[in-house]
Amino acid sequence: MRRALFVFLVSVTVVIAGTPPAQAHQPVQLTAANPTPDRGPLLVDGTVSFAVYAKVQGKDTRGFRFGLRDGQRRDVQLLIVDKSPGNVLAAIALPEVIITDPRGTRTILKPVERSPFLEPYSGTKYLYLARVSGAGVGGTYQVLVRSRSAQPVEAVVAVGYREVSGRVVP
């Protein structure tokens, strides 16, 4: 009986140890040292789920880049932390995101919604402001987060959809 219990416990331990932990979006923090996409980090695979955090106010800008191959799904969302002062600002005062694809085509994400989202891993409440999804073109995308308010706002740009480990090049 002891031997059977021992074998069972060892088996359970091996199974648990070999199970990868649940993963959430990978956080990337932008600072004043990243005012433009060229001076920001590169998310090597833009299909991997990243959460890019940028606290902006006044005339602040923050930038980063991400890569895609032709036909890969491009998913980008603009969110803010659901707390004051950001969650009470008018849409015109909330940050916007300018995405420039490898061909030079610009997409501007301006706040058009305020859908609540509870991030289950941290328990943080967010508001979705804008989203874009579709087939991407191959190459490096440039992303610029631009403040439109004197009030500080914690913006989050979510990129990708696959919950796997990704690589960030500073």
C-alpha atoms as a PDB file:
ATOM      1  CA  MET A   1       0.000   0.000   0.000  1.00  0.00           C
ATOM      2  CA  ARG A   2       2.843   2.416   0.882  1.00  0.00           C
ATOM      3  CA  ARG A   3       4.602   1.631  -2.352  1.00  0.00           C
ATOM      4  CA  ALA A   4       1.431   2.309  -4.398  1.00  0.00           C
ATOM      5  CA  LEU A   5       0.909   5.616  -2.566  1.00  0.00           C
ATOM      6  CA  PHE A   6       4.569   6.559  -3.158  1.00  0.00           C
ATOM      7  CA  VAL A   7       4.315   5.763  -6.892  1.00  0.00           C
ATOM      8  CA  PHE A   8       1.079   7.778  -7.122  1.00  0.00           C
ATOM      9  CA  LEU A   9       2.596  10.837  -5.391  1.00  0.00           C
ATOM     10  CA  VAL A  10       5.728  10.705  -7.551  1.00  0.00           C
ATOM     11  CA  SER A  11       3.565  10.445 -10.682  1.00  0.00           C
ATOM     12  CA  VAL A  12       1.433  13.444  -9.667  1.00  0.00           C
ATOM     13  CA  THR A  13       4.577  15.475  -8.869  1.00  0.00           C
ATOM     14  CA  VAL A  14       6.080  14.690 -12.283  1.00  0.00           C
ATOM     15  CA  VAL A  15       2.863  15.675 -14.077  1.00  0.00           C
ATOM     16  CA  ILE A  16       2.541  18.939 -12.127  1.00  0.00           C
ATOM     17  CA  ALA A  17       6.212  19.829 -12.600  1.00  0.00           C
ATOM     18  CA  GLY A  18       5.935  19.284 -16.344  1.00  0.00           C
ATOM     19  CA  THR A  19       2.847  21.482 -16.743  1.00  0.00           C
ATOM     20  CA  PRO A  20       3.667  25.008 -17.903  1.00  0.00           C
ATOM     21  CA  PRO A  21       2.222  27.796 -15.760  1.00  0.00           C
ATOM     22  CA  ALA A  22      -0.740  29.790 -17.039  1.00  0.00           C
ATOM     23  CA  GLN A  23       0.497  32.847 -18.861  1.00  0.00           C
ATOM     24  CA  ALA A  24      -1.016  36.281 -19.226  1.00  0.00           C
ATOM     25  CA  HIS A  25       0.028  39.046 -21.536  1.00  0.00           C
ATOM     26  CA  GLN A  26       3.685  39.882 -21.138  1.00  0.00           C
ATOM     27  CA  PRO A  27       4.194  43.354 -19.681  1.00  0.00           C
ATOM     28  CA  VAL A  28       6.435  45.921 -21.389  1.00  0.00           C
ATOM     29  CA  GLN A  29       6.960  49.316 -19.745  1.00  0.00           C
ATOM     30  CA  LEU A  30       7.587  52.435 -21.834  1.00  0.00           C
ATOM     31  CA  THR A  31       9.299  55.442 -20.257  1.00  0.00           C
ATOM     32  CA  ALA A  32      10.404  58.936 -21.276  1.00  0.00           C
ATOM     33  CA  ALA A  33      13.436  57.217 -22.848  1.00  0.00           C
ATOM     34  CA  ASN A  34      11.007  55.793 -25.466  1.00  0.00           C
ATOM     35  CA  PRO A  35       9.416  58.919 -27.033  1.00  0.00           C
ATOM     36  CA  THR A  36       9.323  57.444 -30.559  1.00  0.00           C
ATOM     37  CA  PRO A  37       8.952  53.962 -32.051  1.00  0.00           C
ATOM     38  CA  ASP A  38      12.597  53.967 -33.148  1.00  0.00           C
ATOM     39  CA  ARG A  39      13.669  54.606 -29.555  1.00  0.00           C
ATOM     40  CA  GLY A  40      11.291  52.054 -28.111  1.00  0.00           C
ATOM     41  CA  PRO A  41      11.469  48.281 -27.763  1.00  0.00           C
ATOM     42  CA  LEU A  42      10.765  45.813 -30.559  1.00  0.00           C
ATOM     43  CA  LEU A  43       8.222  43.065 -29.888  1.00  0.00           C
ATOM     44  CA  VAL A  44       9.725  40.489 -32.230  1.00  0.00           C
ATOM     45  CA  ASP A  45       6.492  38.538 -32.839  1.00  0.00           C
ATOM     46  CA  GLY A  46       3.384  40.725 -32.858  1.00  0.00           C
ATOM     47  CA  THR A  47       1.093  37.708 -32.591  1.00  0.00           C
ATOM     48  CA  VAL A  48       2.344  37.094 -29.033  1.00  0.00           C
ATOM     49  CA  SER A  49       0.198  38.760 -26.377  1.00  0.00           C
ATOM     50  CA  PHE A  50       1.971  41.796 -24.908  1.00  0.00           C
ATOM     51  CA  ALA A  51       0.660  44.610 -22.705  1.00  0.00           C
ATOM     52  CA  VAL A  52       2.645  47.772 -23.352  1.00  0.00           C
ATOM     53  CA  TYR A  53       2.249  50.287 -20.517  1.00  0.00           C
ATOM     54  CA  ALA A  54       2.737  54.016 -21.039  1.00  0.00           C
ATOM     55  CA  LYS A  55       1.922  56.733 -18.522  1.00  0.00           C
ATOM     56  CA  VAL A  56       1.416  59.923 -20.554  1.00  0.00           C
ATOM     57  CA  GLN A  57       0.343  63.510 -19.989  1.00  0.00           C
ATOM     58  CA  GLY A  58       0.751  66.901 -21.600  1.00  0.00           C
ATOM     59  CA  LYS A  59       2.655  66.556 -24.869  1.00  0.00           C
ATOM     60  CA  ASP A  60       4.128  63.135 -23.980  1.00  0.00           C
ATOM     61  CA  THR A  61       4.604  60.474 -26.607  1.00  0.00           C
ATOM     62  CA  ARG A  62       5.806  56.900 -26.177  1.00  0.00           C
ATOM     63  CA  GLY A  63       6.732  54.476 -28.915  1.00  0.00           C
ATOM     64  CA  PHE A  64       7.527  50.859 -29.701  1.00  0.00           C
ATOM     65  CA  ARG A  65       7.567  48.451 -32.652  1.00  0.00           C
ATOM     66  CA  PHE A  66       6.286  44.969 -33.399  1.00  0.00           C
ATOM     67  CA  GLY A  67       6.866  42.490 -36.193  1.00  0.00           C
ATOM     68  CA  LEU A  68       4.469  40.426 -38.290  1.00  0.00           C
ATOM     69  CA  ARG A  69       4.726  38.200 -41.343  1.00  0.00           C
ATOM     70  CA  ASP A  70       2.381  38.586 -44.330  1.00  0.00           C
ATOM     71  CA  GLY A  71      -1.119  37.418 -43.502  1.00  0.00           C
ATOM     72  CA  GLN A  72      -0.587  37.050 -39.741  1.00  0.00           C
ATOM     73  CA  ARG A  73      -3.385  38.443 -37.631  1.00  0.00           C
ATOM     74  CA  ARG A  74      -2.791  41.984 -36.370  1.00  0.00           C
ATOM     75  CA  ASP A  75      -4.568  42.638 -33.073  1.00  0.00           C
ATOM     76  CA  VAL A  76      -4.060  45.942 -31.258  1.00  0.00           C
ATOM     77  CA  GLN A  77      -6.209  47.403 -28.482  1.00  0.00           C
ATOM     78  CA  LEU A  78      -6.018  50.677 -26.567  1.00  0.00           C
ATOM     79  CA  LEU A  79      -7.031  50.510 -22.928  1.00  0.00           C
ATOM     80  CA  ILE A  80      -6.669  52.698 -19.863  1.00  0.00           C
ATOM     81  CA  VAL A  81      -6.639  51.771 -16.208  1.00  0.00           C
ATOM     82  CA  ASP A  82     -10.163  52.312 -14.873  1.00  0.00           C
ATOM     83  CA  LYS A  83      -9.293  54.938 -12.267  1.00  0.00           C
ATOM     84  CA  SER A  84      -9.310  58.683 -11.952  1.00  0.00           C
ATOM     85  CA  PRO A  85      -8.369  60.913 -13.654  1.00  0.00           C
ATOM     86  CA  GLY A  86      -8.297  58.822 -16.870  1.00  0.00           C
ATOM     87  CA  ASN A  87     -11.699  57.185 -16.511  1.00  0.00           C
ATOM     88  CA  VAL A  88     -13.496  60.544 -16.160  1.00  0.00           C
ATOM     89  CA  LEU A  89     -11.790  62.374 -19.033  1.00  0.00           C
ATOM     90  CA  ALA A  90     -13.719  63.198 -22.192  1.00  0.00           C
ATOM     91  CA  ALA A  91     -12.834  61.044 -25.213  1.00  0.00           C
ATOM     92  CA  ILE A  92     -11.043  63.992 -26.851  1.00  0.00           C
ATOM     93  CA  ALA A  93      -8.656  64.159 -23.865  1.00  0.00           C
ATOM     94  CA  LEU A  94      -7.770  60.449 -23.797  1.00  0.00           C
ATOM     95  CA  PRO A  95      -4.581  59.126 -25.439  1.00  0.00           C
ATOM     96  CA  GLU A  96      -4.601  57.992 -29.033  1.00  0.00           C
ATOM     97  CA  VAL A  97      -2.446  55.383 -30.737  1.00  0.00           C
ATOM     98  CA  ILE A  98      -0.980  55.804 -34.202  1.00  0.00           C
ATOM     99  CA  ILE A  99       0.007  52.542 -35.903  1.00  0.00           C
ATOM    100  CA  THR A 100       2.133  52.758 -39.040  1.00  0.00           C
ATOM    101  CA  ASP A 101       2.417  49.534 -41.009  1.00  0.00           C
ATOM    102  CA  PRO A 102       5.532  48.506 -42.980  1.00  0.00           C
ATOM    103  CA  ARG A 103       4.067  50.089 -46.146  1.00  0.00           C
ATOM    104  CA  GLY A 104       3.576  53.460 -44.429  1.00  0.00           C
ATOM    105  CA  THR A 105      -0.196  53.224 -43.995  1.00  0.00           C
ATOM    106  CA  ARG A 106      -1.367  54.825 -40.752  1.00  0.00           C
ATOM    107  CA  THR A 107      -4.201  53.659 -38.537  1.00  0.00           C
ATOM    108  CA  ILE A 108      -5.231  55.924 -35.665  1.00  0.00           C
ATOM    109  CA  LEU A 109      -6.917  54.364 -32.647  1.00  0.00           C
ATOM    110  CA  LYS A 110      -9.037  57.064 -31.025  1.00  0.00           C
ATOM    111  CA  PRO A 111     -11.303  56.358 -28.066  1.00  0.00           C
ATOM    112  CA  VAL A 112     -14.692  55.198 -29.364  1.00  0.00           C
ATOM    113  CA  GLU A 113     -15.794  52.924 -26.509  1.00  0.00           C
ATOM    114  CA  ARG A 114     -15.427  52.456 -22.761  1.00  0.00           C
ATOM    115  CA  SER A 115     -16.000  48.749 -22.311  1.00  0.00           C
ATOM    116  CA  PRO A 116     -14.929  47.408 -18.897  1.00  0.00           C
ATOM    117  CA  PHE A 117     -12.355  44.637 -18.723  1.00  0.00           C
ATOM    118  CA  LEU A 118     -11.138  42.916 -15.560  1.00  0.00           C
ATOM    119  CA  GLU A 119      -7.651  41.466 -16.038  1.00  0.00           C
ATOM    120  CA  PRO A 120      -7.945  38.189 -14.123  1.00  0.00           C
ATOM    121  CA  TYR A 121      -4.267  37.647 -13.275  1.00  0.00           C
ATOM    122  CA  SER A 122      -3.714  40.984 -11.497  1.00  0.00           C
ATOM    123  CA  GLY A 123      -7.317  41.914 -10.710  1.00  0.00           C
ATOM    124  CA  THR A 124      -6.795  45.296 -12.407  1.00  0.00           C
ATOM    125  CA  LYS A 125      -9.821  47.007 -13.952  1.00  0.00           C
ATOM    126  CA  TYR A 126      -9.373  48.521 -17.410  1.00  0.00           C
ATOM    127  CA  LEU A 127     -11.523  50.236 -19.999  1.00  0.00           C
ATOM    128  CA  TYR A 128     -11.219  49.289 -23.666  1.00  0.00           C
ATOM    129  CA  LEU A 129     -11.096  52.503 -25.696  1.00  0.00           C
ATOM    130  CA  ALA A 130     -10.408  51.235 -29.231  1.00  0.00           C
ATOM    131  CA  ARG A 131      -9.525  48.017 -31.065  1.00  0.00           C
ATOM    132  CA  VAL A 132      -8.294  46.983 -34.486  1.00  0.00           C
ATOM    133  CA  SER A 133      -7.919  43.490 -35.897  1.00  0.00           C
ATOM    134  CA  GLY A 134      -7.226  42.078 -39.327  1.00  0.00           C
ATOM    135  CA  ALA A 135      -4.644  40.534 -41.596  1.00  0.00           C
ATOM    136  CA  GLY A 136      -1.255  42.171 -41.333  1.00  0.00           C
ATOM    137  CA  VAL A 137       1.461  42.863 -43.846  1.00  0.00           C
ATOM    138  CA  GLY A 138       4.956  41.523 -43.343  1.00  0.00           C
ATOM    139  CA  GLY A 139       7.529  43.713 -41.630  1.00  0.00           C
ATOM    140  CA  THR A 140       7.877  46.018 -38.665  1.00  0.00           C
ATOM    141  CA  TYR A 141       4.982  48.128 -37.409  1.00  0.00           C
ATOM    142  CA  GLN A 142       5.606  51.396 -35.595  1.00  0.00           C
ATOM    143  CA  VAL A 143       3.323  52.388 -32.730  1.00  0.00           C
ATOM    144  CA  LEU A 144       3.121  55.832 -31.142  1.00  0.00           C
ATOM    145  CA  VAL A 145       1.058  56.567 -28.023  1.00  0.00           C
ATOM    146  CA  ARG A 146       0.184  60.264 -27.891  1.00  0.00           C
ATOM    147  CA  SER A 147      -1.194  62.125 -24.884  1.00  0.00           C
ATOM    148  CA  ARG A 148      -4.027  64.566 -25.418  1.00  0.00           C
ATOM    149  CA  SER A 149      -4.505  65.771 -21.836  1.00  0.00           C
ATOM    150  CA  ALA A 150      -2.689  67.676 -19.123  1.00  0.00           C
ATOM    151  CA  GLN A 151      -3.871  64.946 -16.739  1.00  0.00           C
ATOM    152  CA  PRO A 152      -1.715  61.829 -16.356  1.00  0.00           C
ATOM    153  CA  VAL A 153      -3.294  58.740 -17.928  1.00  0.00           C
ATOM    154  CA  GLU A 154      -2.091  55.139 -17.665  1.00  0.00           C
ATOM    155  CA  ALA A 155      -2.504  53.848 -21.216  1.00  0.00           C
ATOM    156  CA  VAL A 156      -2.076  50.213 -22.177  1.00  0.00           C
ATOM    157  CA  VAL A 157      -1.592  49.045 -25.744  1.00  0.00           C
ATOM    158  CA  ALA A 158      -2.344  45.344 -26.020  1.00  0.00           C
ATOM    159  CA  VAL A 159      -0.677  43.660 -28.992  1.00  0.00           C
ATOM    160  CA  GLY A 160      -1.168  40.083 -30.163  1.00  0.00           C
ATOM    161  CA  TYR A 161      -3.405  37.242 -29.116  1.00  0.00           C
ATOM    162  CA  ARG A 162      -1.222  34.172 -28.486  1.00  0.00           C
ATOM    163  CA  GLU A 163      -0.496  33.465 -24.807  1.00  0.00           C
ATOM    164  CA  VAL A 164       3.042  32.179 -25.262  1.00  0.00           C
ATOM    165  CA  SER A 165       6.459  33.541 -24.332  1.00  0.00           C
ATOM    166  CA  GLY A 166       7.712  36.260 -26.632  1.00  0.00           C
ATOM    167  CA  ARG A 167      10.938  38.132 -27.176  1.00  0.00           C
ATOM    168  CA  VAL A 168      11.444  41.856 -26.633  1.00  0.00           C
ATOM    169  CA  VAL A 169      14.514  43.619 -28.026  1.00  0.00           C
ATOM    170  CA  PRO A 170      15.220  46.832 -26.094  1.00  0.00           C
END
